[in-house]
Amino acid sequence: MMEEIMEEIEIEAHFSSNKIKPKWFLWNNRKYYIDKVNYIWHNKDGEEVIYYFSVVVGANLYELSFYTKKLKWLLSKVYIEG
């Protein structure tokens, strides 16, 4: 089941060689270590460039978004198995 969340989160990510790689994120006082980044894409909203990351944590799929102008991360969506 896919659920839209749209909550600001704390995240650790590595920025290098013009690439962003999220490592873990903190949501509801729990740390989620990212097992795999499935897909990365980006869109523009006016002057704001938003990068989206489809990531796997265990059996669950999460969509994270990074707003480059505001420098903030959101947990956009979550797909929970079962």
Protein backbone atom coordinates (compact mmCIF):
# COMPACT_ATOMS: atom_id res chain seq x y z
CA MET A 1 0.00 0.00 0.00
CA MET A 2 1.41 3.42 -1.05
CA GLU A 3 0.91 6.26 1.42
CA GLU A 4 1.76 9.93 0.85
CA ILE A 5 3.62 11.35 3.87
CA MET A 6 5.21 14.73 2.91
CA GLU A 7 7.03 15.20 6.24
CA GLU A 8 10.36 16.95 6.71
CA ILE A 9 13.08 14.52 7.81
CA GLU A 10 16.67 14.53 8.96
CA ILE A 11 18.99 12.64 6.64
CA GLU A 12 22.62 11.77 6.10
CA ALA A 13 23.70 11.91 2.48
CA HIS A 14 27.00 11.99 0.64
CA PHE A 15 27.52 14.69 -1.96
CA SER A 16 30.38 14.02 -4.38
CA SER A 17 31.14 14.23 -8.09
CA ASN A 18 27.80 15.97 -8.73
CA LYS A 19 25.95 13.02 -7.17
CA ILE A 20 23.82 12.71 -4.05
CA LYS A 21 23.64 9.40 -2.20
CA PRO A 22 21.33 9.17 0.84
CA LYS A 23 22.63 6.84 3.59
CA TRP A 24 19.95 6.95 6.30
CA PHE A 25 17.01 9.07 7.42
CA LEU A 26 15.34 9.81 10.73
CA TRP A 27 11.53 9.64 10.82
CA ASN A 28 9.29 9.43 13.90
CA ASN A 29 12.35 9.11 16.16
CA ARG A 30 13.58 6.03 14.29
CA LYS A 31 16.66 5.77 12.08
CA TYR A 32 16.17 3.96 8.76
CA TYR A 33 19.36 2.71 7.07
CA ILE A 34 19.00 2.68 3.30
CA ASP A 35 19.82 -0.70 1.75
CA LYS A 36 19.57 0.39 -1.87
CA VAL A 37 18.82 3.43 -4.04
CA ASN A 38 16.59 2.16 -6.86
CA TYR A 39 16.05 5.27 -8.92
CA ILE A 40 16.89 9.00 -8.94
CA TRP A 41 15.08 11.70 -10.92
CA HIS A 42 14.48 15.43 -10.68
CA ASN A 43 11.86 18.07 -11.51
CA LYS A 44 11.69 21.84 -11.40
CA ASP A 45 9.11 23.88 -9.52
CA GLY A 46 9.83 27.45 -10.60
CA GLU A 47 13.42 28.10 -9.50
CA GLU A 48 13.40 25.11 -7.14
CA VAL A 49 15.04 21.91 -8.37
CA ILE A 50 13.72 18.85 -6.52
CA TYR A 51 15.62 15.55 -6.57
CA TYR A 52 13.66 12.39 -5.84
CA PHE A 53 15.11 9.13 -4.57
CA SER A 54 13.35 5.78 -4.56
CA VAL A 55 15.06 3.83 -1.76
CA VAL A 56 14.70 0.41 -0.13
CA VAL A 57 14.83 -0.21 3.61
CA GLY A 58 14.24 -3.87 4.40
CA ALA A 59 11.08 -4.96 2.54
CA ASN A 60 9.73 -1.39 2.29
CA LEU A 61 10.06 1.25 -0.42
CA TYR A 62 10.37 4.98 0.38
CA GLU A 63 10.42 8.08 -1.77
CA LEU A 64 12.66 10.86 -0.47
CA SER A 65 12.87 14.35 -1.97
CA PHE A 66 15.59 16.99 -1.68
CA TYR A 67 14.76 20.66 -2.31
CA THR A 68 17.98 22.30 -3.53
CA LYS A 69 16.97 25.94 -2.98
CA LYS A 70 15.40 25.40 0.47
CA LEU A 71 18.03 22.76 1.40
CA LYS A 72 15.46 20.48 2.99
CA TRP A 73 14.57 16.80 2.75
CA LEU A 74 11.08 15.31 2.80
CA LEU A 75 9.79 11.79 3.15
CA SER A 76 7.34 11.99 0.26
CA LYS A 77 5.83 8.52 0.13
CA VAL A 78 6.13 5.09 1.67
CA TYR A 79 5.14 1.70 0.31
CA ILE A 80 4.82 -0.91 3.05
CA GLU A 81 4.77 -4.56 2.09
CA GLY A 82 1.72 -6.45 3.32
